[in-house]
Amino acid sequence: MSGKLSAFVLGATGQTGKAISKELAKLDTFESVTLFTRRPIEPSQGDTENDYSKFNVKIVDFDNLAEKHAKDFEGYDIGYTAIGLLGTQSNAEKKRVDLDYLVEAAKLAKAGGCNNLSVVTGNGADINSKFFVFSNKGQIEHDVAALGFERVAFYRPGWLLGGQTDNLPLANRLTQPMVNFLDCSRKISIDIPILAKVMIHNTLQPVTTPVQIYENKDVHKQGIELTKATKKTK
């Protein structure tokens, strides 16, 4: 993929969304980036190392996306979605945010000309699972894949490590250091900055298959390769 690109990020205020935004800020390949949020934010979200002048923030009503914001999703080359709830919300609420909001946004982006979408779902995603957390993620993959993007990539990370933990539930904040120590080989976890790098790198490669699935181990392996390649060029 060549030329100057436009991208949007859905879920920009979460740990993964912030990391994706930070990586996009570093790349001249992208000439404009839109962050879709529910509330006003600064595009940099505290990052003082990178230039966010090409970023803009659009506040949207996720409960009425099609009615109010169809035009806001027009004209993007690439989309990145990392939307999702953490904590003790009901299954109905998690379905509304994780599935309904995301699928509706994907529909609008596709209708608006976007044909390259990356979606963070999660380890164990399986539409046929008896456990809601996994079946909901599997339903996301099923519904988004059915929209017919030229390329849609689903990322299934395990424990997400290395991001800002201030807004995480207490259980997650307490568990992160333990997982980081015990899973140094990253078999069941992934560093969030690595996930973001891999996602963006893959969207810029030629399309080999319309639907791509990256398990945690795939992201970790590719992250190592990208790190080595970066060191060689320095």
Protein backbone atom coordinates (compact mmCIF):
# COMPACT_ATOMS: atom_id res chain seq x y z
CA MET A 1 0.00 0.00 0.00
CA SER A 2 1.47 3.31 -1.07
CA GLY A 3 0.65 7.00 -0.93
CA LYS A 4 -0.65 9.10 1.90
CA LEU A 5 -3.33 7.32 3.86
CA SER A 6 -6.22 8.24 6.12
CA ALA A 7 -7.17 6.09 9.10
CA PHE A 8 -9.58 5.99 11.98
CA VAL A 9 -9.29 4.48 15.44
CA LEU A 10 -12.28 3.16 17.35
CA GLY A 11 -11.60 2.64 21.04
CA ALA A 12 -8.86 5.26 21.09
CA THR A 13 -9.09 5.92 24.84
CA GLY A 14 -8.30 2.34 25.82
CA GLN A 15 -4.83 0.91 26.32
CA THR A 16 -4.59 -0.65 22.87
CA GLY A 17 -6.22 2.31 21.14
CA LYS A 18 -3.71 4.68 22.70
CA ALA A 19 -0.82 2.49 21.54
CA ILE A 20 -2.23 2.35 18.00
CA SER A 21 -2.58 6.14 17.95
CA LYS A 22 1.00 6.54 19.14
CA GLU A 23 2.32 4.31 16.36
CA LEU A 24 0.26 6.11 13.73
CA ALA A 25 1.67 9.43 14.94
CA LYS A 26 5.17 8.19 14.15
CA LEU A 27 4.44 7.24 10.54
CA ASP A 28 4.50 9.72 7.66
CA THR A 29 2.55 7.16 5.63
CA PHE A 30 -0.60 8.44 7.33
CA GLU A 31 -1.57 12.02 6.55
CA SER A 32 -4.73 12.08 8.65
CA VAL A 33 -6.04 10.09 11.61
CA THR A 34 -9.47 10.39 13.21
CA LEU A 35 -10.20 9.22 16.74
CA PHE A 36 -13.84 8.35 17.38
CA THR A 37 -14.73 8.88 21.03
CA ARG A 38 -17.70 9.47 23.30
CA ARG A 39 -16.14 12.49 25.00
CA PRO A 40 -13.65 15.26 24.22
CA ILE A 41 -9.99 14.23 24.50
CA GLU A 42 -6.63 15.59 23.49
CA PRO A 43 -5.35 13.53 20.53
CA SER A 44 -1.98 13.02 22.24
CA GLN A 45 -3.61 11.68 25.45
CA GLY A 46 -0.48 12.54 27.40
CA ASP A 47 2.10 11.44 24.82
CA THR A 48 4.66 14.25 24.57
CA GLU A 49 7.12 12.44 22.31
CA ASN A 50 5.18 12.53 19.03
CA ASP A 51 3.42 15.06 16.81
CA TYR A 52 -0.37 14.73 16.71
CA SER A 53 -1.09 17.62 14.36
CA LYS A 54 -2.55 15.25 11.74
CA PHE A 55 -5.06 13.87 14.27
CA ASN A 56 -8.61 15.01 14.83
CA VAL A 57 -11.22 13.87 17.33
CA LYS A 58 -14.84 13.20 16.45
CA ILE A 59 -17.31 12.79 19.29
CA VAL A 60 -20.01 10.32 18.34
CA ASP A 61 -23.23 8.94 19.78
CA PHE A 62 -22.57 5.22 19.58
CA ASP A 63 -26.23 4.41 20.23
CA ASN A 64 -27.20 6.28 17.05
CA LEU A 65 -24.24 5.84 14.72
CA ALA A 66 -26.14 5.22 11.48
CA GLU A 67 -28.66 7.99 12.10
CA LYS A 68 -26.18 10.68 13.13
CA HIS A 69 -22.70 9.78 11.95
CA ALA A 70 -22.77 7.94 8.61
CA LYS A 71 -20.88 10.78 6.90
CA ASP A 72 -18.26 10.82 9.66
CA PHE A 73 -17.15 7.35 8.56
CA GLU A 74 -16.66 8.26 4.90
CA GLY A 75 -13.31 8.43 3.14
CA TYR A 76 -10.97 6.29 5.23
CA ASP A 77 -8.40 3.93 3.80
CA ILE A 78 -7.82 1.92 6.98
CA GLY A 79 -9.66 1.38 10.24
CA TYR A 80 -8.41 0.10 13.59
CA THR A 81 -10.85 -1.02 16.26
CA ALA A 82 -9.99 -1.87 19.85
CA ILE A 83 -13.30 -1.22 21.51
CA GLY A 84 -14.45 -3.23 24.49
CA LEU A 85 -15.54 -3.19 28.11
CA LEU A 86 -13.53 -4.45 31.06
CA GLY A 87 -15.01 -5.20 34.44
CA THR A 88 -18.30 -6.39 35.84
CA GLN A 89 -20.79 -5.02 33.32
CA SER A 90 -23.69 -7.28 32.34
CA ASN A 91 -23.47 -9.51 29.28
CA ALA A 92 -26.14 -7.37 27.63
CA GLU A 93 -24.05 -4.23 28.12
CA LYS A 94 -20.90 -5.94 26.86
CA LYS A 95 -22.76 -7.15 23.78
CA ARG A 96 -24.06 -3.65 23.11
CA VAL A 97 -20.61 -2.07 23.29
CA ASP A 98 -18.26 -4.81 22.13
CA LEU A 99 -20.45 -6.25 19.37
CA ASP A 100 -23.24 -3.87 18.36
CA TYR A 101 -21.21 -0.65 18.38
CA LEU A 102 -18.29 -2.24 16.58
CA VAL A 103 -20.31 -3.97 13.87
CA GLU A 104 -22.35 -0.84 13.19
CA ALA A 105 -19.18 1.24 12.88
CA ALA A 106 -17.66 -1.38 10.55
CA LYS A 107 -20.77 -1.26 8.35
CA LEU A 108 -20.57 2.52 8.08
CA ALA A 109 -16.83 2.45 7.37
CA LYS A 110 -17.32 -0.15 4.63
CA ALA A 111 -20.16 1.85 3.09
CA GLY A 112 -17.95 4.95 3.28
CA GLY A 113 -15.16 3.38 1.22
CA CYS A 114 -12.89 1.73 3.80
CA ASN A 115 -11.73 -1.72 2.70
CA ASN A 116 -8.98 -2.45 5.21
CA LEU A 117 -10.02 -3.09 8.81
CA SER A 118 -8.15 -4.46 11.83
CA VAL A 119 -10.14 -5.66 14.83
CA VAL A 120 -8.94 -6.67 18.29
CA THR A 121 -11.17 -9.47 19.58
CA GLY A 122 -9.38 -11.76 22.01
CA ASN A 123 -7.91 -15.12 22.82
CA GLY A 124 -10.45 -17.94 22.60
CA ALA A 125 -12.87 -16.17 20.25
CA ASP A 126 -15.38 -18.82 19.18
CA ILE A 127 -18.95 -18.18 18.09
CA ASN A 128 -19.92 -21.67 19.28
CA SER A 129 -18.43 -21.36 22.76
CA LYS A 130 -20.70 -21.94 25.76
CA PHE A 131 -18.99 -19.04 27.51
CA PHE A 132 -20.34 -15.60 26.64
CA VAL A 133 -17.00 -13.81 26.67
CA PHE A 134 -15.69 -16.12 23.92
CA SER A 135 -18.90 -16.50 21.91
CA ASN A 136 -19.36 -12.72 21.81
CA LYS A 137 -15.87 -12.25 20.41
CA GLY A 138 -16.56 -15.01 17.89
CA GLN A 139 -19.79 -13.29 16.89
CA ILE A 140 -17.85 -10.07 16.28
CA GLU A 141 -15.50 -11.89 13.92
CA HIS A 142 -18.38 -13.61 12.13
CA ASP A 143 -20.43 -10.45 11.62
CA VAL A 144 -17.54 -8.23 10.55
CA ALA A 145 -16.10 -10.84 8.17
CA ALA A 146 -19.51 -11.08 6.50
CA LEU A 147 -19.36 -7.40 5.52
CA GLY A 148 -16.95 -8.17 2.68
CA PHE A 149 -13.90 -6.00 3.35
CA GLU A 150 -11.01 -6.52 0.93
CA ARG A 151 -8.95 -7.20 4.03
CA VAL A 152 -10.14 -7.70 7.58
CA ALA A 153 -7.69 -8.88 10.23
CA PHE A 154 -8.74 -10.20 13.62
CA TYR A 155 -6.26 -10.14 16.49
CA ARG A 156 -6.71 -12.54 19.39
CA PRO A 157 -4.30 -11.40 22.10
CA GLY A 158 -4.10 -12.95 25.54
CA TRP A 159 -3.34 -10.81 28.60
CA LEU A 160 -2.55 -7.26 27.49
CA LEU A 161 0.56 -5.91 29.18
CA GLY A 162 2.52 -2.68 29.17
CA GLY A 163 -0.22 -0.10 28.84
CA GLN A 164 -1.53 2.49 31.26
CA THR A 165 -3.31 0.75 34.12
CA ASP A 166 -4.99 3.71 35.83
CA ASN A 167 -8.44 2.99 34.42
CA LEU A 168 -8.31 -0.79 34.65
CA PRO A 169 -10.38 -2.77 37.16
CA LEU A 170 -8.49 -3.54 40.36
CA ALA A 171 -8.20 -7.25 39.54
CA ASN A 172 -6.49 -6.47 36.23
CA ARG A 173 -4.08 -4.02 37.85
CA LEU A 174 -3.08 -6.58 40.44
CA THR A 175 -2.74 -9.43 37.95
CA GLN A 176 -0.66 -7.65 35.30
CA PRO A 177 2.67 -7.70 37.21
CA MET A 178 2.26 -11.38 38.02
CA VAL A 179 1.47 -12.34 34.42
CA ASN A 180 4.35 -10.19 33.19
CA PHE A 181 6.74 -12.05 35.51
CA LEU A 182 5.46 -15.59 34.98
CA ASP A 183 4.85 -15.37 31.23
CA CYS A 184 8.15 -13.89 30.10
CA SER A 185 7.97 -15.98 26.90
CA ARG A 186 4.58 -14.37 26.11
CA LYS A 187 2.67 -17.60 25.53
CA ILE A 188 -0.53 -16.23 27.06
CA SER A 189 0.14 -12.50 27.03
CA ILE A 190 1.35 -9.75 24.71
CA ASP A 191 2.90 -6.33 25.16
CA ILE A 192 0.42 -3.74 23.95
CA PRO A 193 2.99 -1.65 22.01
CA ILE A 194 3.99 -4.81 20.12
CA LEU A 195 0.37 -5.57 19.27
CA ALA A 196 -0.08 -2.04 17.92
CA LYS A 197 3.10 -2.22 15.81
CA VAL A 198 2.11 -5.56 14.31
CA MET A 199 -1.41 -4.41 13.50
CA ILE A 200 -0.25 -1.32 11.66
CA HIS A 201 2.56 -3.14 9.87
CA ASN A 202 0.17 -5.77 8.57
CA THR A 203 -2.34 -3.26 7.22
CA LEU A 204 0.38 -1.81 4.99
CA GLN A 205 1.29 -5.15 3.39
CA PRO A 206 -0.21 -6.56 0.16
CA VAL A 207 -3.48 -8.43 0.63
CA THR A 208 -2.99 -12.20 0.53
CA THR A 209 -6.37 -13.31 1.88
CA PRO A 210 -9.48 -11.29 2.71
CA VAL A 211 -9.88 -12.64 6.25
CA GLN A 212 -6.82 -12.98 8.48
CA ILE A 213 -6.65 -14.27 12.05
CA TYR A 214 -3.66 -13.65 14.31
CA GLU A 215 -3.44 -15.61 17.54
CA ASN A 216 -1.37 -14.38 20.48
CA LYS A 217 1.61 -16.53 19.44
CA ASP A 218 1.48 -15.11 15.90
CA VAL A 219 1.58 -11.53 17.15
CA HIS A 220 4.45 -12.32 19.51
CA LYS A 221 6.49 -14.02 16.77
CA GLN A 222 5.91 -11.21 14.31
CA GLY A 223 6.73 -8.65 16.98
CA ILE A 224 10.14 -10.26 17.48
CA GLU A 225 10.77 -10.18 13.73
CA LEU A 226 9.79 -6.51 13.46
CA THR A 227 12.00 -5.60 16.40
CA LYS A 228 14.98 -7.35 14.80
CA ALA A 229 14.33 -5.67 11.46
CA THR A 230 14.13 -2.26 13.13
CA LYS A 231 17.46 -2.79 14.91
CA LYS A 232 19.14 -3.73 11.62
CA THR A 233 18.06 -0.49 9.97
CA LYS A 234 19.44 1.69 12.77
